[in-house]
Amino acid sequence: MCALLPSLCKVHLCSLIKVTVGDPVSLDCKVTGSPELKVKWMKDGKELQSIRQHKTSFENNISCLKITSAQREDEGEYVFQVENHIRSCSCKVKVIVLVIPPSFTKPLVDMQEILGSFVQICCKISGSLPISVEWQKDGTKISSGVKHKLLQQDNAVSIEIEQLEISDAGAYSCKLTNPILLTNVVGHVIPNPKVSISLTRSILFSSEPPSFMTLPESQAALPNATVRFKSSFKGTPPFTVKWFKDDTELMTGPTCFTGLEGQSCFLELFSVGVTQTGVYSCQVSNDAGSVRCSTDLTVKGWILIF
């Protein structure tokens, strides 16, 4: 009985394979020949053992080398060799591991938020792992703690502020860094300066809802008198001010005048009569919220004595 010489039938095996950092790699090669066949994989002249990072198998005459997550050190020339007691044969494949520089797929945007609210500043990123993320506010690095919570999950990075304060307003920036390694002519791996990218900063503004500093006082007036209600408030402009009588909005006209002076507002009623008696309300609003207060007006009627 003649022994069969070992030979190779390449399956999924090219002379050059390019992958990115973190990608899985599978090198398969089918062999024929008389047993006992001995197979082995080598990289840069050194035999590879089946370990967690590089798993080798030989079943049904197919030898397979799997790299679970390609790294820069996995780059190089791989040789598959099969032999029996008659002869041996081999094939080669070169694996190049590419590093994709970090980039932003969804940038930061300017924000305007309400004091006391929960705020999340986020963006989406891409690139070869590992990617380190650094957040800054007005040029100062932000660390994760009670005030700020820094998160990184899959391709999204964010910074969370549980309760927004005035001091949180400012310019926020996100910086991504990924170490790139280059190989020189003699094959030594030398570190290159880190490649990084900074995203255009996002300005975070905080709006303060209106609140009253002074309230209009209740008044009693005689018929035909002029009555003036006034209040002052604080908050982030611009403001919208409305006056109401018994939930009916009052508009400037022959019987009344409404005005706004900075952060003070007033209502003047002309030639009041008994029908003007009632509850008057002032409502101040801005983008952050609304506030309302009420006061009373009593117009005393004339008493005729005979």
C-alpha atoms as a PDB file:
ATOM      1  CA  MET A   1       0.000   0.000   0.000  1.00  0.00           C
ATOM      2  CA  CYS A   2       1.429   3.343  -1.034  1.00  0.00           C
ATOM      3  CA  ALA A   3       1.511   6.205   1.386  1.00  0.00           C
ATOM      4  CA  LEU A   4      -0.108   9.423   0.199  1.00  0.00           C
ATOM      5  CA  LEU A   5       2.008  12.506   0.234  1.00  0.00           C
ATOM      6  CA  PRO A   6       0.604  15.338   2.339  1.00  0.00           C
ATOM      7  CA  SER A   7      -0.874  18.179   0.327  1.00  0.00           C
ATOM      8  CA  LEU A   8      -2.794  21.362   1.028  1.00  0.00           C
ATOM      9  CA  CYS A   9      -6.177  22.588  -0.113  1.00  0.00           C
ATOM     10  CA  LYS A  10      -6.503  26.149   1.084  1.00  0.00           C
ATOM     11  CA  VAL A  11      -9.801  27.156   2.668  1.00  0.00           C
ATOM     12  CA  HIS A  12     -10.376  30.781   3.733  1.00  0.00           C
ATOM     13  CA  LEU A  13      -6.660  31.345   3.503  1.00  0.00           C
ATOM     14  CA  CYS A  14      -5.312  34.239   1.434  1.00  0.00           C
ATOM     15  CA  SER A  15      -1.751  35.424   1.136  1.00  0.00           C
ATOM     16  CA  LEU A  16      -2.672  38.694   2.877  1.00  0.00           C
ATOM     17  CA  ILE A  17      -5.349  39.398   5.475  1.00  0.00           C
ATOM     18  CA  LYS A  18      -6.130  42.827   6.891  1.00  0.00           C
ATOM     19  CA  VAL A  19      -8.129  43.210  10.094  1.00  0.00           C
ATOM     20  CA  THR A  20      -8.676  45.956  12.641  1.00  0.00           C
ATOM     21  CA  VAL A  21      -7.768  45.842  16.318  1.00  0.00           C
ATOM     22  CA  GLY A  22     -10.323  43.804  18.255  1.00  0.00           C
ATOM     23  CA  ASP A  23     -11.599  41.815  15.266  1.00  0.00           C
ATOM     24  CA  PRO A  24     -11.605  37.984  15.381  1.00  0.00           C
ATOM     25  CA  VAL A  25      -9.378  36.171  12.888  1.00  0.00           C
ATOM     26  CA  SER A  26      -9.835  32.634  11.561  1.00  0.00           C
ATOM     27  CA  LEU A  27      -7.158  30.930   9.434  1.00  0.00           C
ATOM     28  CA  ASP A  28      -8.337  27.584   8.003  1.00  0.00           C
ATOM     29  CA  CYS A  29      -6.450  25.084   5.849  1.00  0.00           C
ATOM     30  CA  LYS A  30      -7.586  21.665   4.572  1.00  0.00           C
ATOM     31  CA  VAL A  31      -5.019  18.903   4.160  1.00  0.00           C
ATOM     32  CA  THR A  32      -4.896  15.465   2.513  1.00  0.00           C
ATOM     33  CA  GLY A  33      -2.419  12.623   2.841  1.00  0.00           C
ATOM     34  CA  SER A  34      -1.727   9.418   4.675  1.00  0.00           C
ATOM     35  CA  PRO A  35      -1.860   9.468   8.420  1.00  0.00           C
ATOM     36  CA  GLU A  36      -0.297  10.090  10.740  1.00  0.00           C
ATOM     37  CA  LEU A  37      -0.310  13.747   9.710  1.00  0.00           C
ATOM     38  CA  LYS A  38       1.349  16.237  11.975  1.00  0.00           C
ATOM     39  CA  VAL A  39       0.269  19.865  11.715  1.00  0.00           C
ATOM     40  CA  LYS A  40       1.512  23.024  13.325  1.00  0.00           C
ATOM     41  CA  TRP A  41       1.127  26.797  13.071  1.00  0.00           C
ATOM     42  CA  MET A  42       4.067  29.162  13.349  1.00  0.00           C
ATOM     43  CA  LYS A  43       4.347  32.927  13.566  1.00  0.00           C
ATOM     44  CA  ASP A  44       7.570  34.688  12.653  1.00  0.00           C
ATOM     45  CA  GLY A  45       9.400  31.344  12.880  1.00  0.00           C
ATOM     46  CA  LYS A  46       8.044  30.328  16.306  1.00  0.00           C
ATOM     47  CA  GLU A  47       5.528  27.526  16.796  1.00  0.00           C
ATOM     48  CA  LEU A  48       2.191  28.617  18.263  1.00  0.00           C
ATOM     49  CA  GLN A  49       0.562  26.718  21.089  1.00  0.00           C
ATOM     50  CA  SER A  50      -3.185  26.607  21.648  1.00  0.00           C
ATOM     51  CA  ILE A  51      -3.806  29.228  24.312  1.00  0.00           C
ATOM     52  CA  ARG A  52      -6.625  31.604  25.173  1.00  0.00           C
ATOM     53  CA  GLN A  53      -5.543  34.201  22.630  1.00  0.00           C
ATOM     54  CA  HIS A  54      -4.577  31.733  19.864  1.00  0.00           C
ATOM     55  CA  LYS A  55      -6.648  28.565  19.632  1.00  0.00           C
ATOM     56  CA  THR A  56      -5.557  25.813  17.254  1.00  0.00           C
ATOM     57  CA  SER A  57      -7.591  22.781  16.229  1.00  0.00           C
ATOM     58  CA  PHE A  58      -7.369  19.914  13.710  1.00  0.00           C
ATOM     59  CA  GLU A  59     -10.591  18.088  12.864  1.00  0.00           C
ATOM     60  CA  ASN A  60     -11.831  16.382   9.698  1.00  0.00           C
ATOM     61  CA  ASN A  61      -8.537  17.195   7.969  1.00  0.00           C
ATOM     62  CA  ILE A  62      -9.061  20.924   8.535  1.00  0.00           C
ATOM     63  CA  SER A  63      -6.552  22.791  10.659  1.00  0.00           C
ATOM     64  CA  CYS A  64      -7.762  26.059  12.133  1.00  0.00           C
ATOM     65  CA  LEU A  65      -6.029  28.906  13.940  1.00  0.00           C
ATOM     66  CA  LYS A  66      -8.396  31.349  15.634  1.00  0.00           C
ATOM     67  CA  ILE A  67      -7.411  34.676  17.163  1.00  0.00           C
ATOM     68  CA  THR A  68     -10.243  35.812  19.421  1.00  0.00           C
ATOM     69  CA  SER A  69      -9.377  39.515  19.385  1.00  0.00           C
ATOM     70  CA  ALA A  70      -6.615  40.735  17.105  1.00  0.00           C
ATOM     71  CA  GLN A  71      -4.031  43.051  18.650  1.00  0.00           C
ATOM     72  CA  ARG A  72      -1.059  44.831  17.126  1.00  0.00           C
ATOM     73  CA  GLU A  73       1.300  42.140  18.407  1.00  0.00           C
ATOM     74  CA  ASP A  74      -0.650  39.565  16.356  1.00  0.00           C
ATOM     75  CA  GLU A  75       0.541  41.219  13.152  1.00  0.00           C
ATOM     76  CA  GLY A  76       3.097  39.172  11.220  1.00  0.00           C
ATOM     77  CA  GLU A  77       3.654  36.176   8.930  1.00  0.00           C
ATOM     78  CA  TYR A  78       1.878  32.929   9.803  1.00  0.00           C
ATOM     79  CA  VAL A  79       3.016  29.577   8.412  1.00  0.00           C
ATOM     80  CA  PHE A  80       0.948  26.390   8.414  1.00  0.00           C
ATOM     81  CA  GLN A  81       2.970  23.180   8.069  1.00  0.00           C
ATOM     82  CA  VAL A  82       1.791  19.591   7.626  1.00  0.00           C
ATOM     83  CA  GLU A  83       4.024  16.500   7.429  1.00  0.00           C
ATOM     84  CA  ASN A  84       4.047  12.737   7.586  1.00  0.00           C
ATOM     85  CA  HIS A  85       6.897  10.272   7.550  1.00  0.00           C
ATOM     86  CA  ILE A  86       7.488  10.917   3.832  1.00  0.00           C
ATOM     87  CA  ARG A  87       7.573  14.683   3.423  1.00  0.00           C
ATOM     88  CA  SER A  88       6.204  18.009   4.571  1.00  0.00           C
ATOM     89  CA  CYS A  89       4.534  21.005   2.912  1.00  0.00           C
ATOM     90  CA  SER A  90       3.496  24.451   4.079  1.00  0.00           C
ATOM     91  CA  CYS A  91       1.672  27.649   3.169  1.00  0.00           C
ATOM     92  CA  LYS A  92       2.000  31.236   4.360  1.00  0.00           C
ATOM     93  CA  VAL A  93      -0.301  34.134   5.124  1.00  0.00           C
ATOM     94  CA  LYS A  94       0.529  37.627   6.275  1.00  0.00           C
ATOM     95  CA  VAL A  95      -1.790  39.265   8.794  1.00  0.00           C
ATOM     96  CA  ILE A  96      -1.869  43.057   9.088  1.00  0.00           C
ATOM     97  CA  VAL A  97      -3.677  44.549  12.082  1.00  0.00           C
ATOM     98  CA  LEU A  98      -4.931  48.052  11.398  1.00  0.00           C
ATOM     99  CA  VAL A  99      -5.620  50.656  14.059  1.00  0.00           C
ATOM    100  CA  ILE A 100      -8.512  52.987  13.255  1.00  0.00           C
ATOM    101  CA  PRO A 101      -7.986  56.427  14.823  1.00  0.00           C
ATOM    102  CA  PRO A 102     -10.751  57.569  17.183  1.00  0.00           C
ATOM    103  CA  SER A 103     -13.458  59.798  15.805  1.00  0.00           C
ATOM    104  CA  PHE A 104     -16.840  61.215  16.754  1.00  0.00           C
ATOM    105  CA  THR A 105     -19.918  59.883  14.957  1.00  0.00           C
ATOM    106  CA  LYS A 106     -22.344  62.023  16.964  1.00  0.00           C
ATOM    107  CA  PRO A 107     -20.889  65.308  18.246  1.00  0.00           C
ATOM    108  CA  LEU A 108     -21.726  67.366  21.293  1.00  0.00           C
ATOM    109  CA  VAL A 109     -24.330  70.084  20.912  1.00  0.00           C
ATOM    110  CA  ASP A 110     -24.913  73.340  22.751  1.00  0.00           C
ATOM    111  CA  MET A 111     -27.411  72.980  25.577  1.00  0.00           C
ATOM    112  CA  GLN A 112     -29.675  75.221  27.625  1.00  0.00           C
ATOM    113  CA  GLU A 113     -30.939  73.565  30.776  1.00  0.00           C
ATOM    114  CA  ILE A 114     -32.914  74.415  33.921  1.00  0.00           C
ATOM    115  CA  LEU A 115     -31.299  74.884  37.326  1.00  0.00           C
ATOM    116  CA  GLY A 116     -31.780  71.877  39.589  1.00  0.00           C
ATOM    117  CA  SER A 117     -32.463  69.499  36.697  1.00  0.00           C
ATOM    118  CA  PHE A 118     -30.622  66.323  35.677  1.00  0.00           C
ATOM    119  CA  VAL A 119     -28.290  66.859  32.710  1.00  0.00           C
ATOM    120  CA  GLN A 120     -26.500  64.366  30.465  1.00  0.00           C
ATOM    121  CA  ILE A 121     -23.867  65.552  27.986  1.00  0.00           C
ATOM    122  CA  CYS A 122     -23.168  62.740  25.539  1.00  0.00           C
ATOM    123  CA  CYS A 123     -21.588  61.883  22.194  1.00  0.00           C
ATOM    124  CA  LYS A 124     -20.923  58.750  20.151  1.00  0.00           C
ATOM    125  CA  ILE A 125     -17.479  57.572  19.103  1.00  0.00           C
ATOM    126  CA  SER A 126     -15.773  55.036  16.850  1.00  0.00           C
ATOM    127  CA  GLY A 127     -12.272  53.648  16.396  1.00  0.00           C
ATOM    128  CA  SER A 128     -10.050  50.773  17.438  1.00  0.00           C
ATOM    129  CA  LEU A 129      -9.948  49.846  21.096  1.00  0.00           C
ATOM    130  CA  PRO A 130      -8.720  50.752  23.605  1.00  0.00           C
ATOM    131  CA  ILE A 131      -9.963  54.344  23.588  1.00  0.00           C
ATOM    132  CA  SER A 132      -9.396  56.548  26.602  1.00  0.00           C
ATOM    133  CA  VAL A 133     -11.813  59.414  27.194  1.00  0.00           C
ATOM    134  CA  GLU A 134     -11.076  62.673  28.976  1.00  0.00           C
ATOM    135  CA  TRP A 135     -13.692  65.303  29.814  1.00  0.00           C
ATOM    136  CA  GLN A 136     -12.818  68.928  30.522  1.00  0.00           C
ATOM    137  CA  LYS A 137     -14.754  71.978  31.661  1.00  0.00           C
ATOM    138  CA  ASP A 138     -13.250  75.334  30.746  1.00  0.00           C
ATOM    139  CA  GLY A 139      -9.924  73.549  30.147  1.00  0.00           C
ATOM    140  CA  THR A 140      -9.858  71.726  33.504  1.00  0.00           C
ATOM    141  CA  LYS A 141     -10.051  67.924  33.623  1.00  0.00           C
ATOM    142  CA  ILE A 142     -13.224  66.474  35.140  1.00  0.00           C
ATOM    143  CA  SER A 143     -12.996  63.388  37.353  1.00  0.00           C
ATOM    144  CA  SER A 144     -15.849  61.042  38.154  1.00  0.00           C
ATOM    145  CA  GLY A 145     -17.255  61.676  41.620  1.00  0.00           C
ATOM    146  CA  VAL A 146     -20.270  62.920  43.535  1.00  0.00           C
ATOM    147  CA  LYS A 147     -20.692  65.947  41.278  1.00  0.00           C
ATOM    148  CA  HIS A 148     -19.977  64.356  37.885  1.00  0.00           C
ATOM    149  CA  LYS A 149     -20.562  60.788  36.719  1.00  0.00           C
ATOM    150  CA  LEU A 150     -18.464  59.750  33.709  1.00  0.00           C
ATOM    151  CA  LEU A 151     -19.825  56.864  31.635  1.00  0.00           C
ATOM    152  CA  GLN A 152     -18.482  54.877  28.681  1.00  0.00           C
ATOM    153  CA  GLN A 153     -20.584  52.091  27.185  1.00  0.00           C
ATOM    154  CA  ASP A 154     -20.017  50.558  23.756  1.00  0.00           C
ATOM    155  CA  ASN A 155     -19.732  53.492  21.349  1.00  0.00           C
ATOM    156  CA  ALA A 156     -21.301  56.110  23.620  1.00  0.00           C
ATOM    157  CA  VAL A 157     -19.571  58.322  26.194  1.00  0.00           C
ATOM    158  CA  SER A 158     -21.292  60.770  28.503  1.00  0.00           C
ATOM    159  CA  ILE A 159     -21.012  62.936  31.577  1.00  0.00           C
ATOM    160  CA  GLU A 160     -23.959  63.198  33.975  1.00  0.00           C
ATOM    161  CA  ILE A 161     -24.764  66.034  36.380  1.00  0.00           C
ATOM    162  CA  GLU A 162     -27.389  65.000  38.914  1.00  0.00           C
ATOM    163  CA  GLN A 163     -28.523  68.493  39.930  1.00  0.00           C
ATOM    164  CA  LEU A 164     -27.544  71.448  37.775  1.00  0.00           C
ATOM    165  CA  GLU A 165     -26.081  74.499  39.520  1.00  0.00           C
ATOM    166  CA  ILE A 166     -25.109  77.936  38.211  1.00  0.00           C
ATOM    167  CA  SER A 167     -21.426  76.982  38.554  1.00  0.00           C
ATOM    168  CA  ASP A 168     -21.964  74.161  36.038  1.00  0.00           C
ATOM    169  CA  ALA A 169     -22.387  76.609  33.154  1.00  0.00           C
ATOM    170  CA  GLY A 170     -19.336  76.668  30.893  1.00  0.00           C
ATOM    171  CA  ALA A 171     -17.473  75.083  27.987  1.00  0.00           C
ATOM    172  CA  TYR A 172     -17.279  71.278  28.025  1.00  0.00           C
ATOM    173  CA  SER A 173     -14.973  69.241  25.785  1.00  0.00           C
ATOM    174  CA  CYS A 174     -14.389  65.537  25.191  1.00  0.00           C
ATOM    175  CA  LYS A 175     -10.966  64.201  24.175  1.00  0.00           C
ATOM    176  CA  LEU A 176     -10.376  60.707  22.755  1.00  0.00           C
ATOM    177  CA  THR A 177      -6.955  59.058  22.768  1.00  0.00           C
ATOM    178  CA  ASN A 178      -5.811  55.813  21.131  1.00  0.00           C
ATOM    179  CA  PRO A 179      -2.162  54.621  21.200  1.00  0.00           C
ATOM    180  CA  ILE A 180      -0.842  53.882  17.694  1.00  0.00           C
ATOM    181  CA  LEU A 181       2.184  51.557  17.300  1.00  0.00           C
ATOM    182  CA  LEU A 182       4.463  51.660  14.262  1.00  0.00           C
ATOM    183  CA  THR A 183       6.976  49.023  13.099  1.00  0.00           C
ATOM    184  CA  ASN A 184      10.380  50.236  11.895  1.00  0.00           C
ATOM    185  CA  VAL A 185      12.585  48.701   9.191  1.00  0.00           C
ATOM    186  CA  VAL A 186      14.361  46.225  11.489  1.00  0.00           C
ATOM    187  CA  GLY A 187      11.143  44.867  12.899  1.00  0.00           C
ATOM    188  CA  HIS A 188      11.257  46.457  16.331  1.00  0.00           C
ATOM    189  CA  VAL A 189       8.007  47.913  17.592  1.00  0.00           C
ATOM    190  CA  ILE A 190       8.391  51.478  18.758  1.00  0.00           C
ATOM    191  CA  PRO A 191       5.684  53.618  20.365  1.00  0.00           C
ATOM    192  CA  ASN A 192       4.469  56.573  18.355  1.00  0.00           C
ATOM    193  CA  PRO A 193       3.158  59.731  20.044  1.00  0.00           C
ATOM    194  CA  LYS A 194      -0.448  59.155  21.011  1.00  0.00           C
ATOM    195  CA  VAL A 195      -3.006  60.033  18.405  1.00  0.00           C
ATOM    196  CA  SER A 196      -5.886  61.956  19.914  1.00  0.00           C
ATOM    197  CA  ILE A 197      -8.862  63.965  18.805  1.00  0.00           C
ATOM    198  CA  SER A 198     -10.814  66.618  20.657  1.00  0.00           C
ATOM    199  CA  LEU A 199     -14.428  67.388  19.945  1.00  0.00           C
ATOM    200  CA  THR A 200     -15.652  70.928  19.489  1.00  0.00           C
ATOM    201  CA  ARG A 201     -16.765  72.043  22.887  1.00  0.00           C
ATOM    202  CA  SER A 202     -20.349  72.245  23.978  1.00  0.00           C
ATOM    203  CA  ILE A 203     -21.496  75.293  25.919  1.00  0.00           C
ATOM    204  CA  LEU A 204     -23.851  74.531  28.761  1.00  0.00           C
ATOM    205  CA  PHE A 205     -26.124  77.333  29.836  1.00  0.00           C
ATOM    206  CA  SER A 206     -28.428  77.215  32.854  1.00  0.00           C
ATOM    207  CA  SER A 207     -31.735  79.118  33.034  1.00  0.00           C
ATOM    208  CA  GLU A 208     -33.206  80.196  36.357  1.00  0.00           C
ATOM    209  CA  PRO A 209     -36.996  80.031  36.619  1.00  0.00           C
ATOM    210  CA  PRO A 210     -38.745  83.213  37.838  1.00  0.00           C
ATOM    211  CA  SER A 211     -39.530  83.768  41.512  1.00  0.00           C
ATOM    212  CA  PHE A 212     -41.044  86.769  43.298  1.00  0.00           C
ATOM    213  CA  MET A 213     -38.889  89.064  45.403  1.00  0.00           C
ATOM    214  CA  THR A 214     -41.774  91.345  46.511  1.00  0.00           C
ATOM    215  CA  LEU A 215     -45.492  90.665  46.257  1.00  0.00           C
ATOM    216  CA  PRO A 216     -48.284  93.134  45.436  1.00  0.00           C
ATOM    217  CA  GLU A 217     -50.102  94.322  48.540  1.00  0.00           C
ATOM    218  CA  SER A 218     -53.847  94.058  49.031  1.00  0.00           C
ATOM    219  CA  GLN A 219     -55.603  97.424  48.835  1.00  0.00           C
ATOM    220  CA  ALA A 220     -58.873  99.141  49.699  1.00  0.00           C
ATOM    221  CA  ALA A 221     -59.912 102.129  47.574  1.00  0.00           C
ATOM    222  CA  LEU A 222     -62.721 104.608  47.152  1.00  0.00           C
ATOM    223  CA  PRO A 223     -64.700 104.844  43.917  1.00  0.00           C
ATOM    224  CA  ASN A 224     -63.037 106.729  41.029  1.00  0.00           C
ATOM    225  CA  ALA A 225     -59.578 106.303  42.594  1.00  0.00           C
ATOM    226  CA  THR A 226     -56.512 105.012  40.723  1.00  0.00           C
ATOM    227  CA  VAL A 227     -55.045 101.789  42.129  1.00  0.00           C
ATOM    228  CA  ARG A 228     -51.523 100.530  41.428  1.00  0.00           C
ATOM    229  CA  PHE A 229     -50.259  97.009  42.155  1.00  0.00           C
ATOM    230  CA  LYS A 230     -46.533  96.325  41.881  1.00  0.00           C
ATOM    231  CA  SER A 231     -44.248  93.299  42.299  1.00  0.00           C
ATOM    232  CA  SER A 232     -40.604  92.443  41.630  1.00  0.00           C
ATOM    233  CA  PHE A 233     -39.020  89.139  40.656  1.00  0.00           C
ATOM    234  CA  LYS A 234     -35.783  87.435  39.662  1.00  0.00           C
ATOM    235  CA  GLY A 235     -34.739  84.800  37.127  1.00  0.00           C
ATOM    236  CA  THR A 236     -33.277  84.507  33.642  1.00  0.00           C
ATOM    237  CA  PRO A 237     -34.778  86.876  31.045  1.00  0.00           C
ATOM    238  CA  PRO A 238     -36.660  87.254  28.807  1.00  0.00           C
ATOM    239  CA  PHE A 239     -39.895  87.313  30.817  1.00  0.00           C
ATOM    240  CA  THR A 240     -43.575  87.293  29.947  1.00  0.00           C
ATOM    241  CA  VAL A 241     -45.864  89.031  32.458  1.00  0.00           C
ATOM    242  CA  LYS A 242     -49.646  88.704  32.624  1.00  0.00           C
ATOM    243  CA  TRP A 243     -52.207  90.181  35.020  1.00  0.00           C
ATOM    244  CA  PHE A 244     -55.570  88.600  35.773  1.00  0.00           C
ATOM    245  CA  LYS A 245     -58.772  89.522  37.614  1.00  0.00           C
ATOM    246  CA  ASP A 246     -60.626  86.468  38.852  1.00  0.00           C
ATOM    247  CA  ASP A 247     -58.763  84.356  36.210  1.00  0.00           C
ATOM    248  CA  THR A 248     -59.640  86.722  33.363  1.00  0.00           C
ATOM    249  CA  GLU A 249     -56.563  88.207  31.700  1.00  0.00           C
ATOM    250  CA  LEU A 250     -56.332  91.996  31.759  1.00  0.00           C
ATOM    251  CA  MET A 251     -55.112  93.873  28.701  1.00  0.00           C
ATOM    252  CA  THR A 252     -53.937  97.490  28.536  1.00  0.00           C
ATOM    253  CA  GLY A 253     -56.861  99.695  27.592  1.00  0.00           C
ATOM    254  CA  PRO A 254     -59.140 102.533  28.817  1.00  0.00           C
ATOM    255  CA  THR A 255     -59.640 100.997  32.265  1.00  0.00           C
ATOM    256  CA  CYS A 256     -56.169  99.629  33.055  1.00  0.00           C
ATOM    257  CA  PHE A 257     -52.480  99.653  32.115  1.00  0.00           C
ATOM    258  CA  THR A 258     -49.912  96.859  32.522  1.00  0.00           C
ATOM    259  CA  GLY A 259     -46.189  97.556  32.426  1.00  0.00           C
ATOM    260  CA  LEU A 260     -42.772  95.956  32.847  1.00  0.00           C
ATOM    261  CA  GLU A 261     -39.720  97.816  34.173  1.00  0.00           C
ATOM    262  CA  GLY A 262     -36.634  95.575  34.266  1.00  0.00           C
ATOM    263  CA  GLN A 263     -37.538  92.908  36.786  1.00  0.00           C
ATOM    264  CA  SER A 264     -40.532  94.766  38.211  1.00  0.00           C
ATOM    265  CA  CYS A 265     -44.070  94.771  36.860  1.00  0.00           C
ATOM    266  CA  PHE A 266     -47.161  96.798  37.695  1.00  0.00           C
ATOM    267  CA  LEU A 267     -50.867  97.077  37.066  1.00  0.00           C
ATOM    268  CA  GLU A 268     -52.753 100.391  37.194  1.00  0.00           C
ATOM    269  CA  LEU A 269     -56.539 100.513  37.413  1.00  0.00           C
ATOM    270  CA  PHE A 270     -58.257 103.797  36.482  1.00  0.00           C
ATOM    271  CA  SER A 271     -61.430 105.199  38.086  1.00  0.00           C
ATOM    272  CA  VAL A 272     -62.206 102.018  39.964  1.00  0.00           C
ATOM    273  CA  GLY A 273     -65.729 101.123  40.910  1.00  0.00           C
ATOM    274  CA  VAL A 274     -67.377  98.516  43.070  1.00  0.00           C
ATOM    275  CA  THR A 275     -67.272  96.066  40.153  1.00  0.00           C
ATOM    276  CA  GLN A 276     -63.439  96.140  40.273  1.00  0.00           C
ATOM    277  CA  THR A 277     -63.506  94.479  43.688  1.00  0.00           C
ATOM    278  CA  GLY A 278     -61.960  91.022  43.484  1.00  0.00           C
ATOM    279  CA  VAL A 279     -58.788  88.921  43.332  1.00  0.00           C
ATOM    280  CA  TYR A 280     -55.951  90.117  41.079  1.00  0.00           C
ATOM    281  CA  SER A 281     -53.113  87.804  40.024  1.00  0.00           C
ATOM    282  CA  CYS A 282     -49.691  88.378  38.486  1.00  0.00           C
ATOM    283  CA  GLN A 283     -48.039  85.636  36.413  1.00  0.00           C
ATOM    284  CA  VAL A 284     -44.359  85.761  35.367  1.00  0.00           C
ATOM    285  CA  SER A 285     -42.934  83.190  32.910  1.00  0.00           C
ATOM    286  CA  ASN A 286     -39.669  82.397  31.112  1.00  0.00           C
ATOM    287  CA  ASP A 287     -38.232  79.367  29.322  1.00  0.00           C
ATOM    288  CA  ALA A 288     -37.465  77.689  32.642  1.00  0.00           C
ATOM    289  CA  GLY A 289     -40.867  77.965  34.306  1.00  0.00           C
ATOM    290  CA  SER A 290     -43.724  80.097  35.577  1.00  0.00           C
ATOM    291  CA  VAL A 291     -44.795  81.613  38.912  1.00  0.00           C
ATOM    292  CA  ARG A 292     -48.009  83.316  40.034  1.00  0.00           C
ATOM    293  CA  CYS A 293     -49.131  85.393  43.021  1.00  0.00           C
ATOM    294  CA  SER A 294     -52.450  86.976  44.043  1.00  0.00           C
ATOM    295  CA  THR A 295     -53.708  90.034  45.903  1.00  0.00           C
ATOM    296  CA  ASP A 296     -57.098  91.567  46.795  1.00  0.00           C
ATOM    297  CA  LEU A 297     -58.779  94.836  45.905  1.00  0.00           C
ATOM    298  CA  THR A 298     -61.788  96.149  47.777  1.00  0.00           C
ATOM    299  CA  VAL A 299     -63.614  99.191  46.404  1.00  0.00           C
ATOM    300  CA  LYS A 300     -65.813 100.790  49.034  1.00  0.00           C
ATOM    301  CA  GLY A 301     -69.180 102.117  47.895  1.00  0.00           C
ATOM    302  CA  TRP A 302     -70.526 105.599  48.764  1.00  0.00           C
ATOM    303  CA  ILE A 303     -72.923 105.737  51.733  1.00  0.00           C
ATOM    304  CA  LEU A 304     -75.592 108.454  51.350  1.00  0.00           C
ATOM    305  CA  ILE A 305     -76.899 110.107  54.558  1.00  0.00           C
ATOM    306  CA  PHE A 306     -80.190 112.052  54.456  1.00  0.00           C
END
